[in-house]
């Protein structure tokens, strides 16, 4: 009889633990789903609650950073990114988002440092295409067009169908004086999207300068 009672007691405890764990896991709505749906403020609210509940919740730090950057709240995003990196120093998602934050703030040397760190740690990472694009844009702003050419060439290697990136690559080559390659890149952009005015203007500009038809 006692053995039967103990058996029922242990079963009860086991079921209680399962129900409690499930309740704990589902206590907060899905912040990532809200972010992907474009509900950035809602994602931020959820992440704040999760972080308050568990300050070491790395995923919440990542999603809140993504959401804050989408809303151009870069200082807040930087604060949470730094807190996240105190939890996981080499989380490449946080490294990449810090690069973006510094880029948007115009702190280009810091942006480059973080993008280069991402490329070193995750050479085939999920954001590697965007990292090289941002590196290219950063070098353009620093007037380093040869470096920008290398970075943007790598970006379009990863995403060859991005017409806007081909325009930026063409612009970089144009400013570096590599006009034949710039023409090729402008033409590639127009082949992907004939409505890109920047590409057509760039192509016309080079042809006028060189007397080409």
N, C-alpha and C. Protein backbone atom coordinates (compact mmCIF):
# COMPACT_ATOMS: atom_id res chain seq x y z
N UNK A 1 0.83 -1.20 0.00
CA UNK A 1 0.00 0.00 0.00
C UNK A 1 0.87 1.26 0.00
N UNK A 2 1.87 1.25 0.88
CA UNK A 2 2.77 2.41 0.97
C UNK A 2 3.54 2.57 -0.34
N UNK A 3 3.96 1.43 -0.88
CA UNK A 3 4.69 1.47 -2.15
C UNK A 3 3.82 2.06 -3.25
N UNK A 4 2.54 1.69 -3.28
CA UNK A 4 1.62 2.22 -4.28
C UNK A 4 1.43 3.72 -4.11
N UNK A 5 1.34 4.16 -2.87
CA UNK A 5 1.17 5.59 -2.59
C UNK A 5 2.41 6.38 -3.03
N UNK A 6 3.59 5.81 -2.76
CA UNK A 6 4.82 6.47 -3.18
C UNK A 6 4.91 6.56 -4.70
N UNK A 7 4.46 5.49 -5.35
CA UNK A 7 4.48 5.48 -6.81
C UNK A 7 3.60 6.60 -7.36
N UNK A 8 2.40 6.73 -6.80
CA UNK A 8 1.49 7.80 -7.25
C UNK A 8 2.07 9.18 -6.94
N UNK A 9 2.76 9.28 -5.79
CA UNK A 9 3.36 10.56 -5.41
C UNK A 9 4.44 10.98 -6.40
N UNK A 10 5.30 10.02 -6.78
CA UNK A 10 6.37 10.33 -7.73
C UNK A 10 5.81 10.67 -9.11
N UNK A 11 4.75 9.98 -9.50
CA UNK A 11 4.10 10.30 -10.78
C UNK A 11 3.57 11.72 -10.76
N UNK A 12 2.94 12.09 -9.64
CA UNK A 12 2.40 13.44 -9.49
C UNK A 12 3.50 14.48 -9.59
N UNK A 13 4.62 14.22 -8.87
CA UNK A 13 5.74 15.17 -8.91
C UNK A 13 6.29 15.29 -10.32
N UNK A 14 6.42 14.17 -11.02
CA UNK A 14 6.94 14.16 -12.39
C UNK A 14 6.06 15.00 -13.31
N UNK A 15 4.75 14.79 -13.22
CA UNK A 15 3.81 15.55 -14.06
C UNK A 15 3.85 17.03 -13.71
N UNK A 16 3.98 17.33 -12.44
CA UNK A 16 4.04 18.73 -12.01
C UNK A 16 5.26 19.43 -12.60
N UNK A 17 6.40 18.75 -12.57
CA UNK A 17 7.63 19.32 -13.12
C UNK A 17 7.47 19.58 -14.62
N UNK A 18 6.87 18.64 -15.36
CA UNK A 18 6.67 18.81 -16.80
C UNK A 18 5.77 20.00 -17.09
N UNK A 19 4.66 20.09 -16.35
CA UNK A 19 3.70 21.18 -16.57
C UNK A 19 4.33 22.52 -16.21
N UNK A 20 5.11 22.54 -15.11
CA UNK A 20 5.75 23.79 -14.70
C UNK A 20 6.78 24.24 -15.72
N UNK A 21 7.55 23.29 -16.24
CA UNK A 21 8.57 23.62 -17.24
C UNK A 21 7.92 24.15 -18.51
N UNK A 22 6.84 23.51 -18.93
CA UNK A 22 6.14 23.96 -20.14
C UNK A 22 5.57 25.35 -19.93
N UNK A 23 5.03 25.58 -18.73
CA UNK A 23 4.48 26.90 -18.44
C UNK A 23 5.57 27.96 -18.45
N UNK A 24 6.73 27.62 -17.90
CA UNK A 24 7.84 28.57 -17.86
C UNK A 24 8.32 28.91 -19.26
N UNK A 25 8.38 27.91 -20.14
CA UNK A 25 8.86 28.13 -21.49
C UNK A 25 7.89 28.98 -22.30
N UNK A 26 6.60 28.87 -21.99
CA UNK A 26 5.59 29.57 -22.79
C UNK A 26 5.08 30.83 -22.12
N UNK A 27 5.77 31.23 -21.06
CA UNK A 27 5.31 32.38 -20.30
C UNK A 27 5.36 33.67 -21.11
N UNK A 28 6.29 33.75 -22.05
CA UNK A 28 6.44 34.95 -22.86
C UNK A 28 6.07 34.64 -24.31
N UNK A 29 5.44 35.57 -24.99
CA UNK A 29 5.20 35.39 -26.44
C UNK A 29 6.52 35.28 -27.19
N UNK A 30 6.44 34.92 -28.44
CA UNK A 30 7.63 34.69 -29.26
C UNK A 30 8.13 36.02 -29.82
N UNK A 31 9.21 36.55 -29.23
CA UNK A 31 9.76 37.84 -29.66
C UNK A 31 10.28 37.76 -31.09
N UNK A 32 10.92 36.65 -31.43
CA UNK A 32 11.49 36.51 -32.77
C UNK A 32 10.38 36.53 -33.83
N UNK A 33 9.26 35.87 -33.54
CA UNK A 33 8.13 35.89 -34.47
C UNK A 33 7.60 37.31 -34.66
N UNK A 34 7.54 38.07 -33.58
CA UNK A 34 7.09 39.47 -33.67
C UNK A 34 8.06 40.29 -34.50
N UNK A 35 9.36 40.05 -34.30
CA UNK A 35 10.37 40.77 -35.08
C UNK A 35 10.22 40.45 -36.56
N UNK A 36 10.09 39.17 -36.89
CA UNK A 36 9.96 38.77 -38.29
C UNK A 36 8.69 39.31 -38.93
N UNK A 37 7.67 39.55 -38.12
CA UNK A 37 6.42 40.12 -38.62
C UNK A 37 6.48 41.63 -38.74
N UNK A 38 7.61 42.21 -38.33
CA UNK A 38 7.76 43.66 -38.41
C UNK A 38 7.20 44.40 -37.21
N UNK A 39 6.81 43.67 -36.17
CA UNK A 39 6.26 44.28 -34.95
C UNK A 39 7.41 44.54 -33.97
N UNK A 40 8.23 45.52 -34.31
CA UNK A 40 9.48 45.72 -33.58
C UNK A 40 9.26 46.20 -32.15
N UNK A 41 8.30 47.09 -31.94
CA UNK A 41 8.03 47.57 -30.59
C UNK A 41 7.56 46.43 -29.70
N UNK A 42 6.70 45.58 -30.26
CA UNK A 42 6.22 44.43 -29.48
C UNK A 42 7.36 43.48 -29.16
N UNK A 43 8.24 43.25 -30.12
CA UNK A 43 9.40 42.39 -29.88
C UNK A 43 10.27 42.96 -28.78
N UNK A 44 10.45 44.27 -28.78
CA UNK A 44 11.26 44.93 -27.75
C UNK A 44 10.64 44.74 -26.37
N UNK A 45 9.33 44.92 -26.28
CA UNK A 45 8.63 44.75 -25.00
C UNK A 45 8.82 43.34 -24.45
N UNK A 46 8.67 42.36 -25.33
CA UNK A 46 8.81 40.96 -24.90
C UNK A 46 10.24 40.70 -24.44
N UNK A 47 11.21 41.17 -25.21
CA UNK A 47 12.62 40.94 -24.86
C UNK A 47 12.98 41.61 -23.54
N UNK A 48 12.47 42.81 -23.32
CA UNK A 48 12.74 43.49 -22.04
C UNK A 48 12.24 42.65 -20.87
N UNK A 49 11.04 42.10 -21.02
CA UNK A 49 10.47 41.27 -19.96
C UNK A 49 11.29 40.00 -19.76
N UNK A 50 11.74 39.42 -20.86
CA UNK A 50 12.56 38.20 -20.77
C UNK A 50 13.90 38.49 -20.10
N UNK A 51 14.50 39.61 -20.45
CA UNK A 51 15.79 39.97 -19.86
C UNK A 51 15.64 40.29 -18.37
N UNK A 52 14.55 40.95 -18.02
CA UNK A 52 14.29 41.22 -16.61
C UNK A 52 14.11 39.91 -15.83
N UNK A 53 13.45 38.95 -16.47
CA UNK A 53 13.25 37.65 -15.85
C UNK A 53 14.54 36.85 -15.78
N UNK A 54 15.36 36.96 -16.84
CA UNK A 54 16.62 36.21 -16.91
C UNK A 54 17.66 37.07 -17.62
N UNK A 55 18.48 37.79 -16.88
CA UNK A 55 19.47 38.69 -17.50
C UNK A 55 20.48 37.99 -18.40
N UNK A 56 20.61 36.68 -18.29
CA UNK A 56 21.57 35.94 -19.11
C UNK A 56 20.94 35.33 -20.36
N UNK A 57 19.73 35.77 -20.68
CA UNK A 57 19.04 35.25 -21.86
C UNK A 57 19.65 35.89 -23.12
N UNK A 58 20.55 35.17 -23.75
CA UNK A 58 21.29 35.70 -24.90
C UNK A 58 20.38 35.99 -26.07
N UNK A 59 19.43 35.09 -26.34
CA UNK A 59 18.55 35.26 -27.50
C UNK A 59 17.74 36.55 -27.39
N UNK A 60 17.32 36.89 -26.20
CA UNK A 60 16.56 38.13 -26.01
C UNK A 60 17.41 39.35 -26.31
N UNK A 61 18.69 39.29 -25.94
CA UNK A 61 19.59 40.40 -26.25
C UNK A 61 19.78 40.54 -27.76
N UNK A 62 19.86 39.43 -28.46
CA UNK A 62 20.03 39.48 -29.92
C UNK A 62 18.79 40.09 -30.58
N UNK A 63 17.62 39.59 -30.24
CA UNK A 63 16.38 40.04 -30.90
C UNK A 63 16.08 41.50 -30.56
N UNK A 64 16.34 41.91 -29.33
CA UNK A 64 16.07 43.30 -28.99
C UNK A 64 17.01 44.23 -29.76
N UNK A 65 18.25 43.80 -29.98
CA UNK A 65 19.19 44.61 -30.78
C UNK A 65 18.70 44.74 -32.21
N UNK A 66 18.31 43.63 -32.81
CA UNK A 66 17.79 43.68 -34.18
C UNK A 66 16.61 44.64 -34.27
N UNK A 67 15.69 44.55 -33.31
CA UNK A 67 14.48 45.37 -33.34
C UNK A 67 14.80 46.84 -33.15
N UNK A 68 15.69 47.14 -32.22
CA UNK A 68 16.05 48.54 -31.97
C UNK A 68 16.74 49.17 -33.18
N UNK A 69 17.59 48.40 -33.85
CA UNK A 69 18.25 48.93 -35.05
C UNK A 69 17.23 49.23 -36.13
N UNK A 70 16.23 48.37 -36.29
CA UNK A 70 15.20 48.63 -37.30
C UNK A 70 14.45 49.92 -37.02
N UNK A 71 14.40 50.30 -35.76
CA UNK A 71 13.72 51.54 -35.37
C UNK A 71 14.70 52.71 -35.23
N UNK A 72 15.95 52.49 -35.66
CA UNK A 72 16.99 53.53 -35.62
C UNK A 72 17.29 54.01 -34.21
N UNK A 73 17.10 53.14 -33.24
CA UNK A 73 17.42 53.47 -31.84
C UNK A 73 18.78 52.85 -31.52
N UNK A 74 19.80 53.48 -32.08
CA UNK A 74 21.11 52.85 -32.10
C UNK A 74 21.82 52.83 -30.75
N UNK A 75 21.65 53.86 -29.97
CA UNK A 75 22.32 53.88 -28.66
C UNK A 75 21.76 52.79 -27.76
N UNK A 76 20.43 52.63 -27.77
CA UNK A 76 19.83 51.55 -26.98
C UNK A 76 20.32 50.19 -27.47
N UNK A 77 20.36 50.03 -28.78
CA UNK A 77 20.80 48.77 -29.35
C UNK A 77 22.24 48.47 -28.95
N UNK A 78 23.08 49.49 -28.97
CA UNK A 78 24.48 49.29 -28.60
C UNK A 78 24.62 48.86 -27.14
N UNK A 79 23.79 49.42 -26.29
CA UNK A 79 23.84 49.04 -24.87
C UNK A 79 23.49 47.57 -24.69
N UNK A 80 22.44 47.12 -25.34
CA UNK A 80 22.04 45.72 -25.21
C UNK A 80 23.03 44.78 -25.90
N UNK A 81 23.63 45.25 -26.99
CA UNK A 81 24.64 44.43 -27.67
C UNK A 81 25.85 44.21 -26.76
N UNK A 82 26.27 45.26 -26.07
CA UNK A 82 27.40 45.12 -25.15
C UNK A 82 27.05 44.19 -23.99
N UNK A 83 25.83 44.31 -23.48
CA UNK A 83 25.40 43.40 -22.42
C UNK A 83 25.38 41.97 -22.93
N UNK A 84 24.90 41.79 -24.16
CA UNK A 84 24.86 40.45 -24.75
C UNK A 84 26.25 39.85 -24.91
N UNK A 85 27.19 40.68 -25.30
CA UNK A 85 28.56 40.19 -25.49
C UNK A 85 29.26 39.90 -24.16
N UNK A 86 28.75 40.46 -23.08
CA UNK A 86 29.27 40.08 -21.77
C UNK A 86 28.81 38.68 -21.39
N UNK A 87 27.73 38.22 -22.03
CA UNK A 87 27.25 36.85 -21.84
C UNK A 87 27.99 35.89 -22.77
N UNK A 88 28.13 36.32 -24.03
CA UNK A 88 28.81 35.48 -25.03
C UNK A 88 29.67 36.38 -25.90
N UNK A 89 30.95 36.45 -25.59
CA UNK A 89 31.87 37.40 -26.23
C UNK A 89 31.93 37.23 -27.75
N UNK A 90 31.83 35.98 -28.23
CA UNK A 90 32.05 35.72 -29.65
C UNK A 90 30.77 35.35 -30.39
N UNK A 91 29.63 35.79 -29.90
CA UNK A 91 28.38 35.57 -30.63
C UNK A 91 28.41 36.43 -31.90
N UNK A 92 28.44 35.79 -33.05
CA UNK A 92 28.64 36.54 -34.30
C UNK A 92 27.45 37.42 -34.64
N UNK A 93 26.27 37.06 -34.16
CA UNK A 93 25.09 37.90 -34.42
C UNK A 93 25.26 39.26 -33.76
N UNK A 94 25.76 39.27 -32.54
CA UNK A 94 25.97 40.52 -31.84
C UNK A 94 27.15 41.30 -32.42
N UNK A 95 28.16 40.59 -32.86
CA UNK A 95 29.31 41.25 -33.50
C UNK A 95 28.85 41.97 -34.77
N UNK A 96 28.04 41.29 -35.57
CA UNK A 96 27.55 41.89 -36.82
C UNK A 96 26.66 43.09 -36.54
N UNK A 97 25.74 42.96 -35.58
CA UNK A 97 24.82 44.06 -35.33
C UNK A 97 25.56 45.27 -34.75
N UNK A 98 26.63 45.02 -33.99
CA UNK A 98 27.43 46.15 -33.51
C UNK A 98 28.12 46.86 -34.67
N UNK A 99 28.55 46.08 -35.67
CA UNK A 99 29.11 46.70 -36.87
C UNK A 99 28.10 47.60 -37.54
N UNK A 100 26.86 47.13 -37.66
CA UNK A 100 25.81 47.95 -38.27
C UNK A 100 25.56 49.21 -37.45
N UNK A 101 25.48 49.05 -36.14
CA UNK A 101 25.22 50.21 -35.28
C UNK A 101 26.29 51.28 -35.48
N UNK A 102 27.55 50.86 -35.43
CA UNK A 102 28.64 51.83 -35.60
C UNK A 102 28.61 52.44 -37.01
N UNK A 103 28.22 51.64 -38.01
CA UNK A 103 28.10 52.17 -39.37
C UNK A 103 27.07 53.29 -39.41
N UNK A 104 25.89 53.03 -38.86
CA UNK A 104 24.83 54.03 -38.89
C UNK A 104 25.17 55.26 -38.05
N UNK A 105 26.03 55.07 -37.05
CA UNK A 105 26.46 56.21 -36.24
C UNK A 105 27.62 56.97 -36.87
N UNK A 106 28.15 56.45 -37.97
CA UNK A 106 29.26 57.11 -38.62
C UNK A 106 30.61 56.86 -37.96
N UNK A 107 30.68 55.84 -37.10
CA UNK A 107 31.95 55.49 -36.44
C UNK A 107 32.56 54.36 -37.26
N UNK A 108 33.17 54.73 -38.38
CA UNK A 108 33.49 53.75 -39.42
C UNK A 108 34.63 52.80 -39.05
N UNK A 109 35.61 53.27 -38.32
CA UNK A 109 36.70 52.36 -37.94
C UNK A 109 36.20 51.25 -37.03
N UNK A 110 35.29 51.60 -36.11
CA UNK A 110 34.71 50.58 -35.24
C UNK A 110 33.80 49.63 -36.04
N UNK A 111 33.08 50.20 -37.00
CA UNK A 111 32.23 49.36 -37.85
C UNK A 111 33.07 48.33 -38.59
N UNK A 112 34.15 48.79 -39.20
CA UNK A 112 35.03 47.87 -39.94
C UNK A 112 35.61 46.80 -39.04
N UNK A 113 36.01 47.18 -37.84
CA UNK A 113 36.60 46.22 -36.92
C UNK A 113 35.62 45.08 -36.63
N UNK A 114 34.36 45.42 -36.43
CA UNK A 114 33.36 44.40 -36.12
C UNK A 114 32.99 43.57 -37.34
N UNK A 115 32.88 44.21 -38.50
CA UNK A 115 32.58 43.44 -39.72
C UNK A 115 33.72 42.46 -40.04
N UNK A 116 34.94 42.92 -39.87
CA UNK A 116 36.08 42.05 -40.15
C UNK A 116 36.16 40.91 -39.14
N UNK A 117 35.79 41.19 -37.90
CA UNK A 117 35.77 40.12 -36.90
C UNK A 117 34.71 39.08 -37.26
N UNK A 118 33.55 39.54 -37.71
CA UNK A 118 32.51 38.59 -38.14
C UNK A 118 33.02 37.72 -39.29
N UNK A 119 33.62 38.35 -40.29
CA UNK A 119 34.11 37.61 -41.45
C UNK A 119 35.18 36.59 -41.05
N UNK A 120 35.97 36.93 -40.04
CA UNK A 120 37.00 36.01 -39.57
C UNK A 120 36.40 34.83 -38.81
N UNK A 121 35.39 35.11 -37.98
CA UNK A 121 34.79 34.06 -37.16
C UNK A 121 33.78 33.21 -37.94
N UNK A 122 33.10 33.83 -38.90
CA UNK A 122 32.03 33.13 -39.64
C UNK A 122 32.14 33.41 -41.13
N UNK A 123 33.18 32.89 -41.79
CA UNK A 123 33.41 33.20 -43.21
C UNK A 123 32.29 32.75 -44.14
N UNK A 124 31.43 31.86 -43.67
CA UNK A 124 30.25 31.46 -44.44
C UNK A 124 28.99 31.65 -43.60
N UNK A 125 29.02 32.63 -42.73
CA UNK A 125 27.91 32.87 -41.82
C UNK A 125 26.66 33.36 -42.54
N UNK A 126 25.55 33.33 -41.81
CA UNK A 126 24.26 33.69 -42.39
C UNK A 126 24.22 35.13 -42.89
N UNK A 127 25.01 36.01 -42.29
CA UNK A 127 25.01 37.43 -42.65
C UNK A 127 26.26 37.85 -43.41
N UNK A 128 27.00 36.89 -43.93
CA UNK A 128 28.29 37.22 -44.55
C UNK A 128 28.11 38.13 -45.77
N UNK A 129 27.03 37.95 -46.53
CA UNK A 129 26.79 38.81 -47.69
C UNK A 129 26.57 40.26 -47.26
N UNK A 130 25.72 40.45 -46.24
CA UNK A 130 25.46 41.80 -45.75
C UNK A 130 26.70 42.42 -45.12
N UNK A 131 27.50 41.59 -44.46
CA UNK A 131 28.74 42.09 -43.83
C UNK A 131 29.66 42.67 -44.89
N UNK A 132 29.84 41.97 -46.00
CA UNK A 132 30.72 42.50 -47.05
C UNK A 132 30.10 43.72 -47.72
N UNK A 133 28.78 43.74 -47.84
CA UNK A 133 28.13 44.95 -48.38
C UNK A 133 28.42 46.15 -47.48
N UNK A 134 28.20 45.97 -46.17
CA UNK A 134 28.45 47.08 -45.24
C UNK A 134 29.92 47.48 -45.23
N UNK A 135 30.80 46.50 -45.35
CA UNK A 135 32.22 46.83 -45.43
C UNK A 135 32.49 47.71 -46.66
N UNK A 136 31.89 47.33 -47.77
CA UNK A 136 32.06 48.12 -48.99
C UNK A 136 31.56 49.54 -48.82
N UNK A 137 30.37 49.69 -48.24
CA UNK A 137 29.81 51.02 -48.02
C UNK A 137 30.68 51.83 -47.05
N UNK A 138 31.24 51.16 -46.07
CA UNK A 138 32.11 51.84 -45.12
C UNK A 138 33.37 52.35 -45.82
N UNK A 139 33.98 51.52 -46.66
CA UNK A 139 35.17 51.95 -47.39
C UNK A 139 34.85 53.10 -48.35
N UNK A 140 33.67 53.09 -48.96
CA UNK A 140 33.27 54.20 -49.82
C UNK A 140 33.28 55.50 -49.02
N UNK A 141 32.70 55.47 -47.83
CA UNK A 141 32.64 56.67 -47.01
C UNK A 141 34.01 57.13 -46.54
N UNK A 142 34.94 56.18 -46.48
CA UNK A 142 36.33 56.53 -46.11
C UNK A 142 37.17 56.89 -47.33
N UNK A 143 36.55 56.83 -48.52
CA UNK A 143 37.28 57.15 -49.75
C UNK A 143 38.27 56.09 -50.18
N UNK A 144 38.11 54.89 -49.68
CA UNK A 144 39.02 53.78 -50.03
C UNK A 144 38.32 52.89 -51.07
N UNK A 145 38.35 53.35 -52.31
CA UNK A 145 37.53 52.71 -53.33
C UNK A 145 38.07 51.35 -53.76
N UNK A 146 39.36 51.15 -53.72
CA UNK A 146 39.90 49.83 -54.07
C UNK A 146 39.46 48.79 -53.04
N UNK A 147 39.53 49.18 -51.77
CA UNK A 147 39.05 48.28 -50.72
C UNK A 147 37.55 48.02 -50.88
N UNK A 148 36.82 49.07 -51.21
CA UNK A 148 35.37 48.94 -51.39
C UNK A 148 35.06 47.99 -52.54
N UNK A 149 35.86 48.06 -53.60
CA UNK A 149 35.68 47.17 -54.75
C UNK A 149 35.79 45.71 -54.30
N UNK A 150 36.81 45.40 -53.53
CA UNK A 150 37.01 44.03 -53.07
C UNK A 150 35.83 43.56 -52.21
N UNK A 151 35.39 44.43 -51.29
CA UNK A 151 34.30 44.05 -50.39
C UNK A 151 32.99 43.86 -51.15
N UNK A 152 32.66 44.80 -52.04
CA UNK A 152 31.40 44.71 -52.77
C UNK A 152 31.43 43.60 -53.81
N UNK A 153 32.59 43.33 -54.37
CA UNK A 153 32.71 42.18 -55.29
C UNK A 153 32.41 40.88 -54.54
N UNK A 154 32.84 40.82 -53.29
CA UNK A 154 32.54 39.64 -52.48
C UNK A 154 31.06 39.58 -52.15
N UNK A 155 30.46 40.73 -51.88
CA UNK A 155 29.03 40.77 -51.57
C UNK A 155 28.20 40.24 -52.74
N UNK A 156 28.51 40.68 -53.97
CA UNK A 156 27.72 40.22 -55.11
C UNK A 156 28.08 38.79 -55.50
N UNK A 157 29.25 38.32 -55.06
CA UNK A 157 29.56 36.90 -55.23
C UNK A 157 28.56 36.07 -54.44
N UNK A 158 28.26 36.52 -53.22
CA UNK A 158 27.31 35.79 -52.38
C UNK A 158 25.88 35.98 -52.84
N UNK A 159 25.55 37.18 -53.33
CA UNK A 159 24.17 37.46 -53.78
C UNK A 159 24.25 38.10 -55.16
N UNK A 160 24.45 37.32 -56.20
CA UNK A 160 24.65 37.88 -57.54
C UNK A 160 23.40 38.54 -58.13
N UNK A 161 22.25 38.31 -57.53
CA UNK A 161 21.02 38.88 -58.09
C UNK A 161 20.60 40.19 -57.47
N UNK A 162 21.44 40.79 -56.62
CA UNK A 162 21.09 42.05 -55.97
C UNK A 162 21.53 43.22 -56.85
N UNK A 163 20.60 43.77 -57.60
CA UNK A 163 20.92 44.83 -58.56
C UNK A 163 21.48 46.08 -57.88
N UNK A 164 20.95 46.43 -56.73
CA UNK A 164 21.42 47.63 -56.02
C UNK A 164 22.88 47.51 -55.61
N UNK A 165 23.28 46.32 -55.23
CA UNK A 165 24.69 46.12 -54.85
C UNK A 165 25.60 46.23 -56.06
N UNK A 166 25.13 45.78 -57.23
CA UNK A 166 25.93 45.95 -58.45
C UNK A 166 26.11 47.43 -58.78
N UNK A 167 25.08 48.24 -58.51
CA UNK A 167 25.20 49.68 -58.74
C UNK A 167 26.29 50.27 -57.85
N UNK A 168 26.30 49.86 -56.59
CA UNK A 168 27.30 50.39 -55.67
C UNK A 168 28.70 49.92 -56.06
N UNK A 169 28.81 48.69 -56.53
CA UNK A 169 30.10 48.20 -57.01
C UNK A 169 30.56 49.01 -58.22
N UNK A 170 29.63 49.28 -59.14
CA UNK A 170 29.97 50.07 -60.32
C UNK A 170 30.42 51.48 -59.93
N UNK A 171 29.70 52.08 -58.98
CA UNK A 171 30.05 53.42 -58.51
C UNK A 171 31.46 53.43 -57.90
N UNK A 172 31.76 52.38 -57.15
CA UNK A 172 33.09 52.25 -56.55
C UNK A 172 34.17 52.17 -57.62
N UNK A 173 33.94 51.35 -58.62
CA UNK A 173 34.92 51.20 -59.70
C UNK A 173 35.06 52.49 -60.50
N UNK A 174 33.96 53.18 -60.69
CA UNK A 174 34.00 54.45 -61.39
C UNK A 174 34.89 55.44 -60.65
N UNK A 175 34.73 55.52 -59.34
CA UNK A 175 35.52 56.44 -58.53
C UNK A 175 36.97 56.01 -58.41
N UNK A 176 37.23 54.72 -58.59
CA UNK A 176 38.61 54.23 -58.57
C UNK A 176 39.28 54.39 -59.92
N UNK A 177 38.53 54.83 -60.94
CA UNK A 177 39.09 55.03 -62.27
C UNK A 177 39.08 53.78 -63.13
N UNK A 178 38.45 52.72 -62.66
CA UNK A 178 38.37 51.46 -63.41
C UNK A 178 37.07 51.49 -64.22
N UNK A 179 37.07 52.28 -65.29
CA UNK A 179 35.83 52.59 -65.99
C UNK A 179 35.25 51.41 -66.77
N UNK A 180 36.10 50.59 -67.36
CA UNK A 180 35.58 49.45 -68.12
C UNK A 180 34.86 48.47 -67.20
N UNK A 181 35.43 48.23 -66.03
CA UNK A 181 34.78 47.35 -65.07
C UNK A 181 33.53 47.99 -64.49
N UNK A 182 33.55 49.32 -64.35
CA UNK A 182 32.37 50.04 -63.86
C UNK A 182 31.22 49.89 -64.85
N UNK A 183 31.53 50.01 -66.15
CA UNK A 183 30.50 49.84 -67.18
C UNK A 183 29.89 48.44 -67.09
N UNK A 184 30.73 47.44 -66.93
CA UNK A 184 30.24 46.07 -66.81
C UNK A 184 29.29 45.91 -65.63
N UNK A 185 29.66 46.53 -64.51
CA UNK A 185 28.82 46.41 -63.32
C UNK A 185 27.51 47.17 -63.48
N UNK A 186 27.55 48.37 -64.08
CA UNK A 186 26.31 49.10 -64.33
C UNK A 186 25.40 48.32 -65.27
N UNK A 187 25.98 47.73 -66.29
CA UNK A 187 25.19 46.95 -67.24
C UNK A 187 24.60 45.71 -66.57
N UNK A 188 25.36 45.11 -65.67
CA UNK A 188 24.84 43.95 -64.93
C UNK A 188 23.65 44.36 -64.07
N UNK A 189 23.75 45.52 -63.43
CA UNK A 189 22.65 46.02 -62.61
C UNK A 189 21.40 46.24 -63.45
N UNK A 190 21.57 46.84 -64.63
CA UNK A 190 20.43 47.11 -65.50
C UNK A 190 19.84 45.84 -66.08
N UNK A 191 20.67 44.82 -66.27
CA UNK A 191 20.13 43.55 -66.75
C UNK A 191 19.24 42.90 -65.69
N UNK A 192 19.55 43.17 -64.42
CA UNK A 192 18.75 42.64 -63.33
C UNK A 192 17.51 43.49 -63.06
N UNK A 193 17.67 44.81 -63.24
CA UNK A 193 16.55 45.73 -63.01
C UNK A 193 16.69 46.93 -63.93
N UNK A 194 16.02 46.91 -65.09
CA UNK A 194 16.14 47.99 -66.07
C UNK A 194 15.62 49.34 -65.56
N UNK A 195 14.92 49.34 -64.44
CA UNK A 195 14.33 50.58 -63.92
C UNK A 195 15.27 51.33 -62.97
N UNK A 196 16.48 50.83 -62.78
CA UNK A 196 17.39 51.48 -61.83
C UNK A 196 17.99 52.74 -62.46
N UNK A 197 17.48 53.88 -62.06
CA UNK A 197 17.94 55.16 -62.63
C UNK A 197 19.39 55.44 -62.30
N UNK A 198 19.82 55.08 -61.09
CA UNK A 198 21.22 55.33 -60.70
C UNK A 198 22.18 54.59 -61.63
N UNK A 199 21.80 53.37 -62.01
CA UNK A 199 22.66 52.60 -62.91
C UNK A 199 22.71 53.24 -64.29
N UNK A 200 21.56 53.67 -64.80
CA UNK A 200 21.54 54.28 -66.12
C UNK A 200 22.29 55.61 -66.13
N UNK A 201 22.12 56.39 -65.08
CA UNK A 201 22.85 57.67 -65.00
C UNK A 201 24.35 57.43 -64.92
N UNK A 202 24.76 56.43 -64.14
CA UNK A 202 26.19 56.13 -64.04
C UNK A 202 26.76 55.69 -65.37
N UNK A 203 26.02 54.86 -66.09
CA UNK A 203 26.46 54.38 -67.39
C UNK A 203 26.58 55.55 -68.38
N UNK A 204 25.58 56.42 -68.38
CA UNK A 204 25.60 57.59 -69.26
C UNK A 204 26.76 58.52 -68.91
N UNK A 205 27.01 58.66 -67.63
CA UNK A 205 28.08 59.55 -67.17
C UNK A 205 29.45 59.06 -67.68
N UNK A 206 29.68 57.78 -67.59
CA UNK A 206 30.97 57.22 -68.05
C UNK A 206 31.09 57.34 -69.55
N UNK A 207 30.02 57.07 -70.25
CA UNK A 207 30.06 57.14 -71.72
C UNK A 207 30.31 58.56 -72.21
N UNK A 208 29.74 59.54 -71.52
CA UNK A 208 30.01 60.94 -71.89
C UNK A 208 31.47 61.28 -71.62
N UNK A 209 31.97 60.81 -70.49
CA UNK A 209 33.36 61.13 -70.12
C UNK A 209 34.37 60.48 -71.04
N UNK A 210 34.04 59.32 -71.57
CA UNK A 210 34.98 58.57 -72.41
C UNK A 210 34.69 58.72 -73.90
N UNK A 211 33.56 59.34 -74.22
CA UNK A 211 33.16 59.48 -75.61
C UNK A 211 32.65 58.18 -76.20
N UNK A 212 32.35 57.20 -75.33
CA UNK A 212 31.84 55.90 -75.82
C UNK A 212 30.36 56.02 -76.10
N UNK A 213 29.88 55.12 -76.96
CA UNK A 213 28.46 55.10 -77.34
C UNK A 213 27.76 53.93 -76.64
